[in-house]
Amino acid sequence: MSEAYGMAGAKSSAAQSAQLGINFIVQSQGEGGGFGYGGPGEDTSVTGWQIMACKSGKVAGLKVPEEAIDGFVRFLNSKVDPETGRTGYRSPGKGSNAMVAVGLVCRLFLGQQPGKNPVLAKAAEVLNKAGPNPRDCYYDYYATLGMFQMGKGHWKEWNERFSLALVARQSRLGSFAGSWDYKGITHADRGGRIYVTAMNVLSLEVYYRYLPMYR
């Protein structure tokens, strides 16, 4: 909704809905600056999506309170291991590589710069060593976006390993042409082919949808 508003302008039907959505996110923010699934505890995955939404809203000109941004930073700092650059799911440094990717993207979108925060370079190195994962499009999306924003050699090396291999796995036959198979893909037991295809398309178009922030 935030992106629709940003493209269509203040007179669009998306304007009020987008701001109300941002307001709901801000009102729902937990004491630790993050978000969870409704029960106790805040986690990096749910929080990451809220940061993405608020970033889109802010870029589009919607009102995102600085207090909410400060809360996001506080949450991320509470979940990172500064020695390794790994962001954990609910505990510092303890989580999957997907959470490392979420942490990297969110820090970049919150204004942290690669040359000034060593955590960013350490996180990018974790992702570079791990490489793309054809079984996890959630991880690939965040990692691809993070590497693109890190720029320089990070993006070139990652894209060479990622994009052509992903396109090669795209279905070209029958009614499924243009989509990707979802069998064996993390989280796809619920989202199916639509989820996997949407995430893969978002990964492939990161350099069409976003400008490099620090070039």
N, C-alpha and C. Protein backbone atom coordinates (compact mmCIF):
# COMPACT_ATOMS: atom_id res chain seq x y z
N MET A 1 0.82 -1.20 0.00
CA MET A 1 0.00 0.00 0.00
C MET A 1 0.86 1.26 0.00
N SER A 2 1.95 1.22 0.74
CA SER A 2 2.85 2.38 0.78
C SER A 2 3.45 2.63 -0.59
N GLU A 3 3.85 1.59 -1.27
CA GLU A 3 4.44 1.75 -2.60
C GLU A 3 3.40 2.20 -3.61
N ALA A 4 2.16 1.71 -3.48
CA ALA A 4 1.08 2.16 -4.36
C ALA A 4 0.83 3.65 -4.17
N TYR A 5 0.83 4.07 -2.92
CA TYR A 5 0.66 5.49 -2.62
C TYR A 5 1.82 6.31 -3.19
N GLY A 6 3.03 5.81 -3.04
CA GLY A 6 4.19 6.52 -3.55
C GLY A 6 4.16 6.70 -5.05
N MET A 7 3.59 5.73 -5.76
CA MET A 7 3.53 5.82 -7.22
C MET A 7 2.33 6.63 -7.70
N ALA A 8 1.21 6.54 -6.98
CA ALA A 8 -0.02 7.15 -7.46
C ALA A 8 -0.28 8.54 -6.87
N GLY A 9 0.33 8.86 -5.73
CA GLY A 9 0.19 10.19 -5.17
C GLY A 9 -0.90 10.32 -4.13
N ALA A 10 -0.97 11.53 -3.55
CA ALA A 10 -1.85 11.77 -2.41
C ALA A 10 -3.32 11.66 -2.75
N LYS A 11 -3.69 11.80 -4.02
CA LYS A 11 -5.10 11.72 -4.40
C LYS A 11 -5.57 10.30 -4.66
N SER A 12 -4.66 9.35 -4.54
CA SER A 12 -5.02 7.96 -4.82
C SER A 12 -5.83 7.37 -3.67
N SER A 13 -6.55 6.30 -3.97
CA SER A 13 -7.34 5.62 -2.95
C SER A 13 -6.45 4.91 -1.94
N ALA A 14 -5.17 4.79 -2.26
CA ALA A 14 -4.24 4.10 -1.36
C ALA A 14 -3.76 5.00 -0.23
N ALA A 15 -3.94 6.30 -0.36
CA ALA A 15 -3.33 7.23 0.58
C ALA A 15 -3.76 6.99 2.02
N GLN A 16 -5.07 7.01 2.27
CA GLN A 16 -5.53 6.84 3.64
C GLN A 16 -5.22 5.46 4.17
N SER A 17 -5.42 4.44 3.33
CA SER A 17 -5.16 3.07 3.77
C SER A 17 -3.70 2.87 4.12
N ALA A 18 -2.81 3.44 3.34
CA ALA A 18 -1.38 3.28 3.59
C ALA A 18 -0.99 3.91 4.92
N GLN A 19 -1.48 5.12 5.19
CA GLN A 19 -1.13 5.77 6.45
C GLN A 19 -1.74 5.05 7.64
N LEU A 20 -2.96 4.55 7.47
CA LEU A 20 -3.58 3.78 8.55
C LEU A 20 -2.79 2.50 8.83
N GLY A 21 -2.27 1.90 7.77
CA GLY A 21 -1.43 0.71 7.96
C GLY A 21 -0.17 1.02 8.73
N ILE A 22 0.48 2.12 8.40
CA ILE A 22 1.67 2.55 9.13
C ILE A 22 1.32 2.85 10.58
N ASN A 23 0.19 3.52 10.79
CA ASN A 23 -0.24 3.84 12.16
C ASN A 23 -0.43 2.57 12.99
N PHE A 24 -1.02 1.56 12.36
CA PHE A 24 -1.25 0.29 13.07
C PHE A 24 0.07 -0.37 13.45
N ILE A 25 1.03 -0.34 12.54
CA ILE A 25 2.34 -0.91 12.84
C ILE A 25 2.97 -0.19 14.03
N VAL A 26 2.96 1.12 13.99
CA VAL A 26 3.57 1.91 15.06
C VAL A 26 2.90 1.64 16.40
N GLN A 27 1.57 1.57 16.38
CA GLN A 27 0.83 1.32 17.62
C GLN A 27 1.07 -0.09 18.17
N SER A 28 1.44 -1.02 17.30
CA SER A 28 1.62 -2.40 17.70
C SER A 28 3.05 -2.73 18.11
N GLN A 29 3.94 -1.77 17.97
CA GLN A 29 5.36 -2.01 18.27
C GLN A 29 5.55 -2.37 19.74
N GLY A 30 6.33 -3.42 19.99
CA GLY A 30 6.54 -3.89 21.35
C GLY A 30 7.51 -3.03 22.15
N GLU A 31 7.63 -3.34 23.41
CA GLU A 31 8.49 -2.57 24.30
C GLU A 31 9.96 -2.63 23.89
N GLY A 32 10.34 -3.77 23.28
CA GLY A 32 11.72 -3.91 22.84
C GLY A 32 11.99 -3.32 21.48
N GLY A 33 10.97 -2.71 20.88
CA GLY A 33 11.12 -2.09 19.57
C GLY A 33 10.78 -3.01 18.42
N GLY A 34 10.40 -4.27 18.73
CA GLY A 34 10.12 -5.23 17.67
C GLY A 34 8.68 -5.70 17.66
N PHE A 35 8.47 -6.81 16.96
CA PHE A 35 7.13 -7.38 16.79
C PHE A 35 7.22 -8.90 16.88
N GLY A 36 6.09 -9.52 17.19
CA GLY A 36 6.03 -10.97 17.25
C GLY A 36 4.73 -11.46 16.64
N TYR A 37 4.39 -12.71 16.96
CA TYR A 37 3.21 -13.33 16.39
C TYR A 37 1.98 -13.21 17.29
N GLY A 38 1.98 -12.27 18.20
CA GLY A 38 0.83 -12.06 19.06
C GLY A 38 1.03 -12.56 20.47
N GLY A 39 1.92 -13.51 20.66
CA GLY A 39 2.23 -14.01 21.99
C GLY A 39 3.42 -13.29 22.58
N PRO A 40 3.99 -13.82 23.63
CA PRO A 40 5.18 -13.18 24.23
C PRO A 40 6.39 -13.30 23.31
N GLY A 41 7.22 -12.28 23.33
CA GLY A 41 8.46 -12.32 22.55
C GLY A 41 8.35 -11.60 21.23
N GLU A 42 9.44 -10.95 20.85
CA GLU A 42 9.54 -10.25 19.57
C GLU A 42 10.62 -10.94 18.74
N ASP A 43 10.42 -11.05 17.44
CA ASP A 43 11.41 -11.75 16.62
C ASP A 43 11.80 -10.94 15.39
N THR A 44 12.95 -11.30 14.85
CA THR A 44 13.53 -10.55 13.74
C THR A 44 12.73 -10.68 12.46
N SER A 45 12.12 -11.84 12.23
CA SER A 45 11.39 -12.05 10.99
C SER A 45 10.19 -11.12 10.87
N VAL A 46 9.31 -11.14 11.88
CA VAL A 46 8.13 -10.27 11.84
C VAL A 46 8.54 -8.81 11.87
N THR A 47 9.53 -8.49 12.69
CA THR A 47 10.00 -7.11 12.79
C THR A 47 10.56 -6.62 11.46
N GLY A 48 11.26 -7.50 10.76
CA GLY A 48 11.84 -7.12 9.47
C GLY A 48 10.80 -6.63 8.48
N TRP A 49 9.68 -7.33 8.42
CA TRP A 49 8.63 -6.92 7.47
C TRP A 49 8.04 -5.56 7.86
N GLN A 50 7.93 -5.30 9.17
CA GLN A 50 7.40 -4.01 9.62
C GLN A 50 8.36 -2.87 9.28
N ILE A 51 9.66 -3.14 9.41
CA ILE A 51 10.65 -2.14 9.04
C ILE A 51 10.58 -1.85 7.55
N MET A 52 10.42 -2.90 6.74
CA MET A 52 10.30 -2.71 5.29
C MET A 52 9.09 -1.85 4.96
N ALA A 53 7.96 -2.13 5.63
CA ALA A 53 6.74 -1.37 5.37
C ALA A 53 6.91 0.10 5.76
N CYS A 54 7.52 0.33 6.91
CA CYS A 54 7.72 1.71 7.37
C CYS A 54 8.73 2.45 6.50
N LYS A 55 9.74 1.75 6.02
CA LYS A 55 10.70 2.37 5.11
C LYS A 55 10.00 2.81 3.83
N SER A 56 9.16 1.93 3.27
CA SER A 56 8.42 2.28 2.06
C SER A 56 7.50 3.47 2.32
N GLY A 57 6.86 3.46 3.50
CA GLY A 57 5.98 4.56 3.84
C GLY A 57 6.72 5.88 3.96
N LYS A 58 7.87 5.85 4.59
CA LYS A 58 8.66 7.08 4.77
C LYS A 58 9.14 7.62 3.44
N VAL A 59 9.60 6.73 2.55
CA VAL A 59 10.05 7.15 1.23
C VAL A 59 8.89 7.76 0.44
N ALA A 60 7.68 7.23 0.64
CA ALA A 60 6.51 7.71 -0.09
C ALA A 60 5.96 9.01 0.50
N GLY A 61 6.47 9.42 1.65
CA GLY A 61 6.02 10.66 2.26
C GLY A 61 5.00 10.50 3.36
N LEU A 62 4.77 9.26 3.80
CA LEU A 62 3.85 9.03 4.90
C LEU A 62 4.55 9.34 6.23
N LYS A 63 3.77 9.50 7.28
CA LYS A 63 4.31 9.86 8.58
C LYS A 63 4.72 8.62 9.36
N VAL A 64 6.02 8.52 9.64
CA VAL A 64 6.56 7.44 10.46
C VAL A 64 7.32 8.10 11.61
N PRO A 65 6.82 8.01 12.84
CA PRO A 65 7.46 8.70 13.97
C PRO A 65 8.90 8.25 14.19
N GLU A 66 9.76 9.19 14.56
CA GLU A 66 11.16 8.87 14.84
C GLU A 66 11.28 7.90 16.01
N GLU A 67 10.31 7.96 16.92
CA GLU A 67 10.33 7.04 18.06
C GLU A 67 10.24 5.58 17.59
N ALA A 68 9.46 5.36 16.53
CA ALA A 68 9.35 4.01 15.99
C ALA A 68 10.66 3.57 15.36
N ILE A 69 11.31 4.48 14.64
CA ILE A 69 12.60 4.17 14.02
C ILE A 69 13.64 3.86 15.10
N ASP A 70 13.65 4.66 16.15
CA ASP A 70 14.58 4.42 17.26
C ASP A 70 14.33 3.04 17.88
N GLY A 71 13.06 2.66 17.96
CA GLY A 71 12.71 1.34 18.50
C GLY A 71 13.22 0.22 17.62
N PHE A 72 13.14 0.41 16.31
CA PHE A 72 13.66 -0.61 15.39
C PHE A 72 15.16 -0.81 15.60
N VAL A 73 15.88 0.29 15.71
CA VAL A 73 17.33 0.21 15.91
C VAL A 73 17.65 -0.48 17.23
N ARG A 74 16.91 -0.13 18.25
CA ARG A 74 17.12 -0.74 19.56
C ARG A 74 16.87 -2.24 19.50
N PHE A 75 15.84 -2.65 18.79
CA PHE A 75 15.55 -4.08 18.66
C PHE A 75 16.69 -4.81 17.93
N LEU A 76 17.13 -4.27 16.80
CA LEU A 76 18.19 -4.92 16.03
C LEU A 76 19.48 -5.03 16.85
N ASN A 77 19.79 -3.99 17.59
CA ASN A 77 21.00 -4.02 18.42
C ASN A 77 20.92 -5.09 19.50
N SER A 78 19.71 -5.40 19.95
CA SER A 78 19.54 -6.39 21.00
C SER A 78 19.63 -7.83 20.46
N LYS A 79 19.60 -7.98 19.14
CA LYS A 79 19.59 -9.32 18.55
C LYS A 79 20.87 -9.66 17.79
N VAL A 80 21.83 -8.74 17.73
CA VAL A 80 23.03 -8.97 16.93
C VAL A 80 24.20 -9.37 17.80
N ASP A 81 25.07 -10.22 17.25
CA ASP A 81 26.37 -10.52 17.83
C ASP A 81 27.39 -9.66 17.09
N PRO A 82 27.90 -8.60 17.68
CA PRO A 82 28.78 -7.68 16.96
C PRO A 82 30.09 -8.32 16.50
N GLU A 83 30.48 -9.41 17.14
CA GLU A 83 31.74 -10.07 16.75
C GLU A 83 31.61 -10.80 15.41
N THR A 84 30.43 -11.36 15.15
CA THR A 84 30.23 -12.15 13.93
C THR A 84 29.36 -11.43 12.90
N GLY A 85 28.60 -10.43 13.33
CA GLY A 85 27.67 -9.75 12.43
C GLY A 85 26.36 -10.48 12.26
N ARG A 86 26.18 -11.58 13.00
CA ARG A 86 24.97 -12.39 12.87
C ARG A 86 23.83 -11.79 13.71
N THR A 87 22.68 -11.60 13.08
CA THR A 87 21.47 -11.20 13.78
C THR A 87 20.67 -12.46 14.07
N GLY A 88 20.25 -12.62 15.31
CA GLY A 88 19.50 -13.80 15.71
C GLY A 88 18.00 -13.62 15.54
N TYR A 89 17.28 -14.71 15.71
CA TYR A 89 15.82 -14.68 15.59
C TYR A 89 15.19 -14.04 16.83
N ARG A 90 15.52 -14.58 17.99
CA ARG A 90 15.05 -13.98 19.24
C ARG A 90 16.19 -13.76 20.24
N SER A 91 17.33 -14.38 19.98
CA SER A 91 18.49 -14.23 20.85
C SER A 91 19.66 -13.69 20.03
N PRO A 92 20.55 -12.93 20.64
CA PRO A 92 21.68 -12.33 19.91
C PRO A 92 22.51 -13.37 19.16
N GLY A 93 22.57 -13.23 17.85
CA GLY A 93 23.43 -14.07 17.03
C GLY A 93 22.94 -15.47 16.78
N LYS A 94 21.83 -15.88 17.39
CA LYS A 94 21.36 -17.26 17.29
C LYS A 94 20.16 -17.34 16.35
N GLY A 95 20.42 -17.83 15.14
CA GLY A 95 19.36 -17.93 14.16
C GLY A 95 19.92 -18.34 12.81
N SER A 96 19.06 -18.42 11.84
CA SER A 96 19.44 -18.85 10.50
C SER A 96 20.14 -17.72 9.74
N ASN A 97 20.72 -18.09 8.58
CA ASN A 97 21.31 -17.08 7.71
C ASN A 97 20.26 -16.11 7.19
N ALA A 98 19.01 -16.58 7.13
CA ALA A 98 17.93 -15.68 6.71
C ALA A 98 17.81 -14.50 7.65
N MET A 99 17.97 -14.75 8.95
CA MET A 99 17.89 -13.66 9.92
C MET A 99 19.08 -12.71 9.78
N VAL A 100 20.24 -13.25 9.42
CA VAL A 100 21.40 -12.40 9.15
C VAL A 100 21.09 -11.46 7.99
N ALA A 101 20.44 -11.99 6.97
CA ALA A 101 20.07 -11.18 5.79
C ALA A 101 19.03 -10.13 6.15
N VAL A 102 18.04 -10.51 6.95
CA VAL A 102 17.03 -9.54 7.39
C VAL A 102 17.69 -8.41 8.18
N GLY A 103 18.57 -8.77 9.09
CA GLY A 103 19.26 -7.76 9.88
C GLY A 103 20.07 -6.81 9.03
N LEU A 104 20.75 -7.35 8.02
CA LEU A 104 21.56 -6.51 7.13
C LEU A 104 20.69 -5.51 6.39
N VAL A 105 19.62 -6.00 5.76
CA VAL A 105 18.74 -5.12 4.99
C VAL A 105 18.11 -4.05 5.88
N CYS A 106 17.64 -4.46 7.03
CA CYS A 106 16.97 -3.50 7.91
C CYS A 106 17.92 -2.41 8.40
N ARG A 107 19.13 -2.78 8.73
CA ARG A 107 20.10 -1.77 9.16
C ARG A 107 20.39 -0.78 8.03
N LEU A 108 20.54 -1.29 6.82
CA LEU A 108 20.78 -0.42 5.68
C LEU A 108 19.60 0.52 5.45
N PHE A 109 18.39 -0.01 5.55
CA PHE A 109 17.20 0.81 5.32
C PHE A 109 16.95 1.81 6.45
N LEU A 110 17.53 1.54 7.60
CA LEU A 110 17.39 2.48 8.72
C LEU A 110 18.49 3.54 8.73
N GLY A 111 19.34 3.52 7.70
CA GLY A 111 20.30 4.59 7.53
C GLY A 111 21.73 4.27 7.93
N GLN A 112 22.00 3.03 8.34
CA GLN A 112 23.37 2.69 8.71
C GLN A 112 24.21 2.46 7.45
N GLN A 113 25.43 2.95 7.46
CA GLN A 113 26.27 2.93 6.27
C GLN A 113 27.38 1.88 6.37
N PRO A 114 27.63 1.17 5.28
CA PRO A 114 28.64 0.09 5.29
C PRO A 114 30.01 0.52 5.80
N GLY A 115 30.46 1.71 5.43
CA GLY A 115 31.78 2.15 5.83
C GLY A 115 31.89 2.59 7.28
N LYS A 116 30.75 2.73 7.95
CA LYS A 116 30.75 3.26 9.31
C LYS A 116 30.32 2.23 10.35
N ASN A 117 29.69 1.15 9.92
CA ASN A 117 29.24 0.13 10.87
C ASN A 117 29.83 -1.22 10.46
N PRO A 118 30.82 -1.73 11.20
CA PRO A 118 31.46 -3.00 10.81
C PRO A 118 30.53 -4.19 10.83
N VAL A 119 29.42 -4.10 11.55
CA VAL A 119 28.46 -5.21 11.57
C VAL A 119 27.94 -5.51 10.16
N LEU A 120 27.77 -4.48 9.35
CA LEU A 120 27.25 -4.66 8.00
C LEU A 120 28.19 -5.48 7.14
N ALA A 121 29.47 -5.17 7.17
CA ALA A 121 30.45 -5.92 6.39
C ALA A 121 30.55 -7.36 6.87
N LYS A 122 30.47 -7.57 8.19
CA LYS A 122 30.53 -8.93 8.74
C LYS A 122 29.32 -9.75 8.32
N ALA A 123 28.15 -9.11 8.34
CA ALA A 123 26.94 -9.81 7.92
C ALA A 123 27.01 -10.17 6.43
N ALA A 124 27.50 -9.24 5.62
CA ALA A 124 27.63 -9.51 4.18
C ALA A 124 28.59 -10.65 3.92
N GLU A 125 29.64 -10.76 4.72
CA GLU A 125 30.59 -11.85 4.56
C GLU A 125 29.95 -13.19 4.91
N VAL A 126 29.10 -13.20 5.94
CA VAL A 126 28.37 -14.43 6.29
C VAL A 126 27.53 -14.89 5.10
N LEU A 127 26.82 -13.97 4.48
CA LEU A 127 25.96 -14.30 3.36
C LEU A 127 26.77 -14.71 2.14
N ASN A 128 27.90 -14.04 1.92
CA ASN A 128 28.74 -14.39 0.78
C ASN A 128 29.28 -15.80 0.90
N LYS A 129 29.67 -16.18 2.11
CA LYS A 129 30.18 -17.54 2.32
C LYS A 129 29.07 -18.58 2.16
N ALA A 130 27.87 -18.24 2.63
CA ALA A 130 26.75 -19.17 2.53
C ALA A 130 26.26 -19.30 1.09
N GLY A 131 26.25 -18.19 0.36
CA GLY A 131 25.78 -18.18 -1.01
C GLY A 131 24.26 -18.29 -1.11
N PRO A 132 23.72 -18.17 -2.32
CA PRO A 132 22.28 -18.33 -2.53
C PRO A 132 21.82 -19.73 -2.14
N ASN A 133 20.57 -19.83 -1.72
CA ASN A 133 20.00 -21.11 -1.31
C ASN A 133 18.75 -21.40 -2.15
N PRO A 134 18.84 -22.32 -3.10
CA PRO A 134 17.69 -22.60 -3.98
C PRO A 134 16.49 -23.18 -3.25
N ARG A 135 16.66 -23.55 -1.98
CA ARG A 135 15.55 -24.10 -1.20
C ARG A 135 14.93 -23.09 -0.25
N ASP A 136 15.37 -21.83 -0.31
CA ASP A 136 14.85 -20.84 0.63
C ASP A 136 14.74 -19.48 -0.06
N CYS A 137 13.59 -19.21 -0.68
CA CYS A 137 13.41 -17.96 -1.41
C CYS A 137 13.25 -16.77 -0.47
N TYR A 138 12.85 -17.02 0.76
CA TYR A 138 12.77 -15.95 1.77
C TYR A 138 14.18 -15.43 2.05
N TYR A 139 15.10 -16.34 2.33
CA TYR A 139 16.49 -15.97 2.55
C TYR A 139 17.08 -15.30 1.32
N ASP A 140 16.85 -15.88 0.15
CA ASP A 140 17.42 -15.33 -1.08
C ASP A 140 16.95 -13.91 -1.34
N TYR A 141 15.69 -13.62 -1.04
CA TYR A 141 15.17 -12.27 -1.26
C TYR A 141 15.92 -11.25 -0.41
N TYR A 142 15.98 -11.49 0.89
CA TYR A 142 16.65 -10.54 1.77
C TYR A 142 18.15 -10.47 1.48
N ALA A 143 18.77 -11.61 1.22
CA ALA A 143 20.21 -11.61 0.94
C ALA A 143 20.52 -10.87 -0.35
N THR A 144 19.70 -11.07 -1.37
CA THR A 144 19.92 -10.38 -2.65
C THR A 144 19.75 -8.88 -2.49
N LEU A 145 18.71 -8.46 -1.78
CA LEU A 145 18.50 -7.04 -1.55
C LEU A 145 19.63 -6.45 -0.72
N GLY A 146 20.09 -7.18 0.28
CA GLY A 146 21.18 -6.70 1.11
C GLY A 146 22.48 -6.56 0.34
N MET A 147 22.81 -7.55 -0.47
CA MET A 147 24.04 -7.49 -1.25
C MET A 147 23.99 -6.38 -2.29
N PHE A 148 22.81 -6.16 -2.86
CA PHE A 148 22.66 -5.06 -3.82
C PHE A 148 22.94 -3.72 -3.15
N GLN A 149 22.39 -3.54 -1.95
CA GLN A 149 22.59 -2.28 -1.25
C GLN A 149 24.03 -2.13 -0.73
N MET A 150 24.69 -3.24 -0.44
CA MET A 150 26.10 -3.16 -0.04
C MET A 150 26.98 -2.74 -1.20
N GLY A 151 26.58 -3.11 -2.42
CA GLY A 151 27.27 -2.64 -3.62
C GLY A 151 28.64 -3.25 -3.81
N LYS A 152 29.43 -2.60 -4.68
CA LYS A 152 30.80 -2.99 -4.99
C LYS A 152 30.89 -4.47 -5.34
N GLY A 153 31.90 -5.16 -4.83
CA GLY A 153 32.10 -6.56 -5.16
C GLY A 153 31.04 -7.47 -4.58
N HIS A 154 30.42 -7.05 -3.48
CA HIS A 154 29.39 -7.87 -2.86
C HIS A 154 28.28 -8.21 -3.86
N TRP A 155 27.77 -7.19 -4.53
CA TRP A 155 26.64 -7.39 -5.43
C TRP A 155 27.04 -8.15 -6.69
N LYS A 156 28.15 -7.79 -7.29
CA LYS A 156 28.57 -8.42 -8.53
C LYS A 156 28.75 -9.93 -8.35
N GLU A 157 29.44 -10.31 -7.30
CA GLU A 157 29.69 -11.73 -7.07
C GLU A 157 28.39 -12.47 -6.75
N TRP A 158 27.55 -11.86 -5.92
CA TRP A 158 26.29 -12.51 -5.55
C TRP A 158 25.38 -12.69 -6.76
N ASN A 159 25.23 -11.64 -7.55
CA ASN A 159 24.31 -11.69 -8.68
C ASN A 159 24.74 -12.72 -9.72
N GLU A 160 26.04 -12.87 -9.89
CA GLU A 160 26.54 -13.87 -10.84
C GLU A 160 26.20 -15.28 -10.38
N ARG A 161 26.16 -15.50 -9.09
CA ARG A 161 25.85 -16.82 -8.55
C ARG A 161 24.34 -17.06 -8.45
N PHE A 162 23.58 -15.98 -8.41
CA PHE A 162 22.16 -16.10 -8.09
C PHE A 162 21.22 -16.04 -9.29
N SER A 163 21.30 -14.97 -10.08
CA SER A 163 20.23 -14.67 -11.02
C SER A 163 20.09 -15.70 -12.15
N LEU A 164 21.18 -16.06 -12.79
CA LEU A 164 21.07 -17.01 -13.91
C LEU A 164 20.62 -18.39 -13.43
N ALA A 165 21.09 -18.80 -12.27
CA ALA A 165 20.67 -20.10 -11.73
C ALA A 165 19.19 -20.09 -11.39
N LEU A 166 18.69 -18.96 -10.87
CA LEU A 166 17.27 -18.88 -10.54
C LEU A 166 16.41 -18.90 -11.79
N VAL A 167 16.79 -18.15 -12.80
CA VAL A 167 16.04 -18.13 -14.06
C VAL A 167 16.02 -19.52 -14.69
N ALA A 168 17.12 -20.24 -14.57
CA ALA A 168 17.19 -21.59 -15.16
C ALA A 168 16.21 -22.55 -14.52
N ARG A 169 15.80 -22.28 -13.28
CA ARG A 169 14.85 -23.15 -12.59
C ARG A 169 13.39 -22.77 -12.86
N GLN A 170 13.18 -21.70 -13.59
CA GLN A 170 11.82 -21.25 -13.87
C GLN A 170 11.12 -22.22 -14.83
N SER A 171 9.86 -22.53 -14.54
CA SER A 171 9.10 -23.45 -15.38
C SER A 171 8.79 -22.82 -16.73
N ARG A 172 8.85 -23.62 -17.78
CA ARG A 172 8.60 -23.12 -19.13
C ARG A 172 7.54 -23.94 -19.86
N LEU A 173 6.85 -24.79 -19.14
CA LEU A 173 5.89 -25.69 -19.79
C LEU A 173 4.49 -25.51 -19.24
N GLY A 174 3.49 -25.59 -20.14
CA GLY A 174 2.10 -25.64 -19.74
C GLY A 174 1.61 -24.44 -18.97
N SER A 175 0.62 -24.65 -18.13
CA SER A 175 -0.01 -23.57 -17.38
C SER A 175 0.89 -23.01 -16.28
N PHE A 176 1.97 -23.72 -15.95
CA PHE A 176 2.89 -23.25 -14.91
C PHE A 176 4.04 -22.43 -15.48
N ALA A 177 4.05 -22.21 -16.79
CA ALA A 177 5.14 -21.46 -17.41
C ALA A 177 5.28 -20.08 -16.77
N GLY A 178 6.52 -19.72 -16.43
CA GLY A 178 6.80 -18.44 -15.81
C GLY A 178 6.84 -18.49 -14.29
N SER A 179 6.44 -19.61 -13.72
CA SER A 179 6.43 -19.74 -12.27
C SER A 179 7.59 -20.63 -11.82
N TRP A 180 7.66 -20.84 -10.50
CA TRP A 180 8.66 -21.74 -9.93
C TRP A 180 7.98 -22.80 -9.09
N ASP A 181 8.55 -23.99 -9.10
CA ASP A 181 8.02 -25.08 -8.28
C ASP A 181 8.23 -24.77 -6.81
N TYR A 182 7.31 -25.23 -5.98
CA TYR A 182 7.38 -24.92 -4.55
C TYR A 182 7.73 -26.12 -3.69
N LYS A 183 7.86 -27.29 -4.29
CA LYS A 183 8.12 -28.49 -3.50
C LYS A 183 9.52 -28.43 -2.89
N GLY A 184 9.58 -28.65 -1.59
CA GLY A 184 10.86 -28.64 -0.89
C GLY A 184 11.39 -27.27 -0.56
N ILE A 185 10.60 -26.21 -0.81
CA ILE A 185 11.04 -24.85 -0.53
C ILE A 185 10.57 -24.43 0.86
N THR A 186 11.46 -23.84 1.64
CA THR A 186 11.13 -23.40 2.99
C THR A 186 9.94 -22.45 2.99
N HIS A 187 8.99 -22.68 3.88
CA HIS A 187 7.77 -21.88 4.07
C HIS A 187 6.73 -22.06 2.96
N ALA A 188 7.04 -22.80 1.92
CA ALA A 188 6.13 -22.90 0.78
C ALA A 188 5.01 -23.91 1.01
N ASP A 189 5.04 -24.62 2.13
CA ASP A 189 3.94 -25.54 2.41
C ASP A 189 2.63 -24.77 2.58
N ARG A 190 2.71 -23.49 2.92
CA ARG A 190 1.51 -22.67 3.08
C ARG A 190 1.28 -21.73 1.90
N GLY A 191 2.36 -21.17 1.38
CA GLY A 191 2.22 -20.19 0.31
C GLY A 191 2.18 -20.79 -1.08
N GLY A 192 2.75 -21.99 -1.24
CA GLY A 192 2.71 -22.68 -2.52
C GLY A 192 3.43 -21.97 -3.64
N ARG A 193 3.00 -22.27 -4.86
CA ARG A 193 3.66 -21.77 -6.07
C ARG A 193 3.58 -20.24 -6.17
N ILE A 194 2.46 -19.68 -5.73
CA ILE A 194 2.30 -18.22 -5.81
C ILE A 194 3.34 -17.53 -4.93
N TYR A 195 3.50 -18.03 -3.71
CA TYR A 195 4.47 -17.43 -2.78
C TYR A 195 5.88 -17.50 -3.34
N VAL A 196 6.27 -18.69 -3.78
CA VAL A 196 7.64 -18.87 -4.29
C VAL A 196 7.89 -18.00 -5.51
N THR A 197 6.91 -17.95 -6.42
CA THR A 197 7.07 -17.14 -7.63
C THR A 197 7.17 -15.66 -7.29
N ALA A 198 6.32 -15.20 -6.37
CA ALA A 198 6.36 -13.78 -5.98
C ALA A 198 7.71 -13.41 -5.37
N MET A 199 8.21 -14.25 -4.47
CA MET A 199 9.48 -13.96 -3.82
C MET A 199 10.63 -13.97 -4.82
N ASN A 200 10.60 -14.91 -5.75
CA ASN A 200 11.67 -14.98 -6.75
C ASN A 200 11.65 -13.78 -7.69
N VAL A 201 10.45 -13.34 -8.07
CA VAL A 201 10.35 -12.15 -8.91
C VAL A 201 10.88 -10.93 -8.17
N LEU A 202 10.52 -10.79 -6.90
CA LEU A 202 11.02 -9.66 -6.11
C LEU A 202 12.55 -9.69 -6.01
N SER A 203 13.12 -10.88 -5.91
CA SER A 203 14.57 -11.01 -5.83
C SER A 203 15.23 -10.60 -7.13
N LEU A 204 14.64 -10.98 -8.24
CA LEU A 204 15.23 -10.69 -9.54
C LEU A 204 15.14 -9.22 -9.92
N GLU A 205 14.19 -8.51 -9.32
CA GLU A 205 14.00 -7.12 -9.74
C GLU A 205 14.49 -6.10 -8.71
N VAL A 206 15.38 -6.52 -7.80
CA VAL A 206 15.80 -5.56 -6.77
C VAL A 206 16.45 -4.32 -7.38
N TYR A 207 17.14 -4.45 -8.50
CA TYR A 207 17.79 -3.28 -9.06
C TYR A 207 16.85 -2.47 -9.94
N TYR A 208 15.60 -2.94 -10.12
CA TYR A 208 14.58 -2.13 -10.78
C TYR A 208 13.73 -1.38 -9.76
N ARG A 209 13.52 -1.99 -8.59
CA ARG A 209 12.62 -1.43 -7.58
C ARG A 209 13.34 -0.49 -6.61
N TYR A 210 14.64 -0.65 -6.46
CA TYR A 210 15.38 0.13 -5.46
C TYR A 210 16.58 0.80 -6.09
N LEU A 211 16.91 1.98 -5.56
CA LEU A 211 18.17 2.63 -5.91
C LEU A 211 19.22 2.22 -4.89
N PRO A 212 20.47 2.09 -5.32
CA PRO A 212 21.54 1.86 -4.33
C PRO A 212 21.58 3.04 -3.38
N MET A 213 21.51 2.79 -2.09
CA MET A 213 21.36 3.86 -1.11
C MET A 213 22.62 4.67 -0.86
N TYR A 214 23.79 4.03 -1.04
CA TYR A 214 25.02 4.71 -0.62
C TYR A 214 26.03 4.83 -1.74
N ARG A 215 25.58 4.77 -2.97
CA ARG A 215 26.52 4.94 -4.09
C ARG A 215 26.83 6.41 -4.26
